[in-house]
C-alpha atoms as a PDB file:
ATOM      1  CA  UNK A   1      -0.783  -7.589 -12.850  1.00  0.00           C
ATOM      2  CA  UNK A   2      -1.510  -9.170  -9.624  1.00  0.00           C
ATOM      3  CA  UNK A   3      -4.676  -9.430  -7.447  1.00  0.00           C
ATOM      4  CA  UNK A   4      -3.177  -6.898  -5.176  1.00  0.00           C
ATOM      5  CA  UNK A   5      -2.308  -4.517  -7.774  1.00  0.00           C
ATOM      6  CA  UNK A   6      -5.948  -4.102  -8.923  1.00  0.00           C
ATOM      7  CA  UNK A   7      -7.257  -3.476  -5.329  1.00  0.00           C
ATOM      8  CA  UNK A   8      -4.641  -1.150  -4.686  1.00  0.00           C
ATOM      9  CA  UNK A   9      -4.990   0.516  -7.665  1.00  0.00           C
ATOM     10  CA  UNK A  10      -8.874   0.850  -7.096  1.00  0.00           C
ATOM     11  CA  UNK A  11      -8.142   2.054  -3.750  1.00  0.00           C
ATOM     12  CA  UNK A  12      -5.884   4.909  -5.152  1.00  0.00           C
ATOM     13  CA  UNK A  13      -8.505   5.843  -7.862  1.00  0.00           C
ATOM     14  CA  UNK A  14     -11.117   6.093  -5.281  1.00  0.00           C
ATOM     15  CA  UNK A  15      -8.842   8.490  -3.283  1.00  0.00           C
ATOM     16  CA  UNK A  16      -7.617   6.064  -0.679  1.00  0.00           C
ATOM     17  CA  UNK A  17      -4.554   6.797   1.052  1.00  0.00           C
ATOM     18  CA  UNK A  18      -1.642   4.667   2.090  1.00  0.00           C
ATOM     19  CA  UNK A  19       0.833   4.906   5.412  1.00  0.00           C
ATOM     20  CA  UNK A  20       3.732   3.117   7.091  1.00  0.00           C
ATOM     21  CA  UNK A  21       3.407   2.553  10.868  1.00  0.00           C
ATOM     22  CA  UNK A  22       5.305   6.022  11.145  1.00  0.00           C
ATOM     23  CA  UNK A  23       2.235   8.002   9.256  1.00  0.00           C
ATOM     24  CA  UNK A  24       4.598   8.344   6.222  1.00  0.00           C
ATOM     25  CA  UNK A  25       2.180   8.711   3.065  1.00  0.00           C
ATOM     26  CA  UNK A  26       3.565   6.254   0.695  1.00  0.00           C
ATOM     27  CA  UNK A  27       0.573   6.749  -1.953  1.00  0.00           C
ATOM     28  CA  UNK A  28       2.868   8.751  -4.459  1.00  0.00           C
ATOM     29  CA  UNK A  29       5.581   5.957  -4.098  1.00  0.00           C
ATOM     30  CA  UNK A  30       3.077   3.148  -4.745  1.00  0.00           C
ATOM     31  CA  UNK A  31       1.898   4.995  -7.920  1.00  0.00           C
ATOM     32  CA  UNK A  32       4.947   5.578  -9.184  1.00  0.00           C
ATOM     33  CA  UNK A  33       5.749   2.120  -9.014  1.00  0.00           C
ATOM     34  CA  UNK A  34       8.729   3.137  -6.242  1.00  0.00           C
ATOM     35  CA  UNK A  35       6.662   1.142  -3.977  1.00  0.00           C
ATOM     36  CA  UNK A  36       4.652  -2.501  -4.196  1.00  0.00           C
ATOM     37  CA  UNK A  37       1.606  -3.189  -2.078  1.00  0.00           C
ATOM     38  CA  UNK A  38       0.101  -6.764  -1.407  1.00  0.00           C
ATOM     39  CA  UNK A  39      -2.403  -8.375   0.667  1.00  0.00           C
ATOM     40  CA  UNK A  40      -0.636 -11.314   2.272  1.00  0.00           C
ATOM     41  CA  UNK A  41       2.845 -11.251   4.022  1.00  0.00           C
ATOM     42  CA  UNK A  42       4.053 -14.336   2.360  1.00  0.00           C
ATOM     43  CA  UNK A  43       3.747 -12.602  -1.350  1.00  0.00           C
ATOM     44  CA  UNK A  44       5.545  -9.464  -0.093  1.00  0.00           C
ATOM     45  CA  UNK A  45       8.201 -11.480   1.615  1.00  0.00           C
ATOM     46  CA  UNK A  46       8.909 -13.177  -1.474  1.00  0.00           C
ATOM     47  CA  UNK A  47       8.970 -10.175  -3.380  1.00  0.00           C
ATOM     48  CA  UNK A  48      11.218  -8.633  -0.998  1.00  0.00           C
ATOM     49  CA  UNK A  49      13.675 -11.397  -1.525  1.00  0.00           C
ATOM     50  CA  UNK A  50      13.948 -10.926  -5.232  1.00  0.00           C
ATOM     51  CA  UNK A  51      14.370  -7.300  -5.019  1.00  0.00           C
ATOM     52  CA  UNK A  52      16.870  -7.472  -1.924  1.00  0.00           C
ATOM     53  CA  UNK A  53      14.589  -5.279  -0.102  1.00  0.00           C
ATOM     54  CA  UNK A  54      12.504  -5.439   3.303  1.00  0.00           C
ATOM     55  CA  UNK A  55       8.633  -5.583   4.254  1.00  0.00           C
ATOM     56  CA  UNK A  56       6.545  -3.445   5.921  1.00  0.00           C
ATOM     57  CA  UNK A  57       3.274  -2.816   7.456  1.00  0.00           C
ATOM     58  CA  UNK A  58       0.861  -1.331   5.230  1.00  0.00           C
ATOM     59  CA  UNK A  59      -2.307   1.121   6.420  1.00  0.00           C
ATOM     60  CA  UNK A  60      -4.981   3.000   4.697  1.00  0.00           C
ATOM     61  CA  UNK A  61      -7.238   5.751   5.132  1.00  0.00           C
ATOM     62  CA  UNK A  62     -10.446   5.892   2.756  1.00  0.00           C
ATOM     63  CA  UNK A  63     -12.020   8.564   1.437  1.00  0.00           C
ATOM     64  CA  UNK A  64     -15.456   9.088   2.487  1.00  0.00           C
ATOM     65  CA  UNK A  65     -16.230  11.826   1.114  1.00  0.00           C
ATOM     66  CA  UNK A  66     -14.473  14.992  -0.599  1.00  0.00           C
ATOM     67  CA  UNK A  67     -12.966  16.299   2.834  1.00  0.00           C
ATOM     68  CA  UNK A  68     -13.123  13.020   5.466  1.00  0.00           C
ATOM     69  CA  UNK A  69     -10.880  10.116   5.392  1.00  0.00           C
ATOM     70  CA  UNK A  70     -11.414   6.936   7.847  1.00  0.00           C
ATOM     71  CA  UNK A  71      -9.531   5.977  10.526  1.00  0.00           C
ATOM     72  CA  UNK A  72      -6.308   4.464   9.369  1.00  0.00           C
ATOM     73  CA  UNK A  73      -6.667   1.177   9.414  1.00  0.00           C
ATOM     74  CA  UNK A  74      -4.264  -2.192   8.482  1.00  0.00           C
ATOM     75  CA  UNK A  75      -4.447  -2.866   4.905  1.00  0.00           C
ATOM     76  CA  UNK A  76      -1.420  -5.438   4.190  1.00  0.00           C
ATOM     77  CA  UNK A  77       2.159  -4.846   3.149  1.00  0.00           C
ATOM     78  CA  UNK A  78       4.613  -2.799   0.949  1.00  0.00           C
ATOM     79  CA  UNK A  79       8.097  -3.317  -0.144  1.00  0.00           C
ATOM     80  CA  UNK A  80      10.050  -0.601  -1.795  1.00  0.00           C
ATOM     81  CA  UNK A  81      11.699  -1.351  -5.080  1.00  0.00           C
END
């Protein structure tokens, strides 16, 4: 498990939600290993080449309370499996 995976896993456990630039929620895809999340573009690019896939920018909304989320912020990159 990479450092990125550990950080993303912790964020998901804490209720954070992950989105594409088109506001598509990809949290379940990440949880179900259908998409990999990375903090660094180079790491995502290398992985995408092994999967013959592509890289896209990943955004996060962190859970602030039971009903409140932060504004969307840049988090890293994602690669569909």
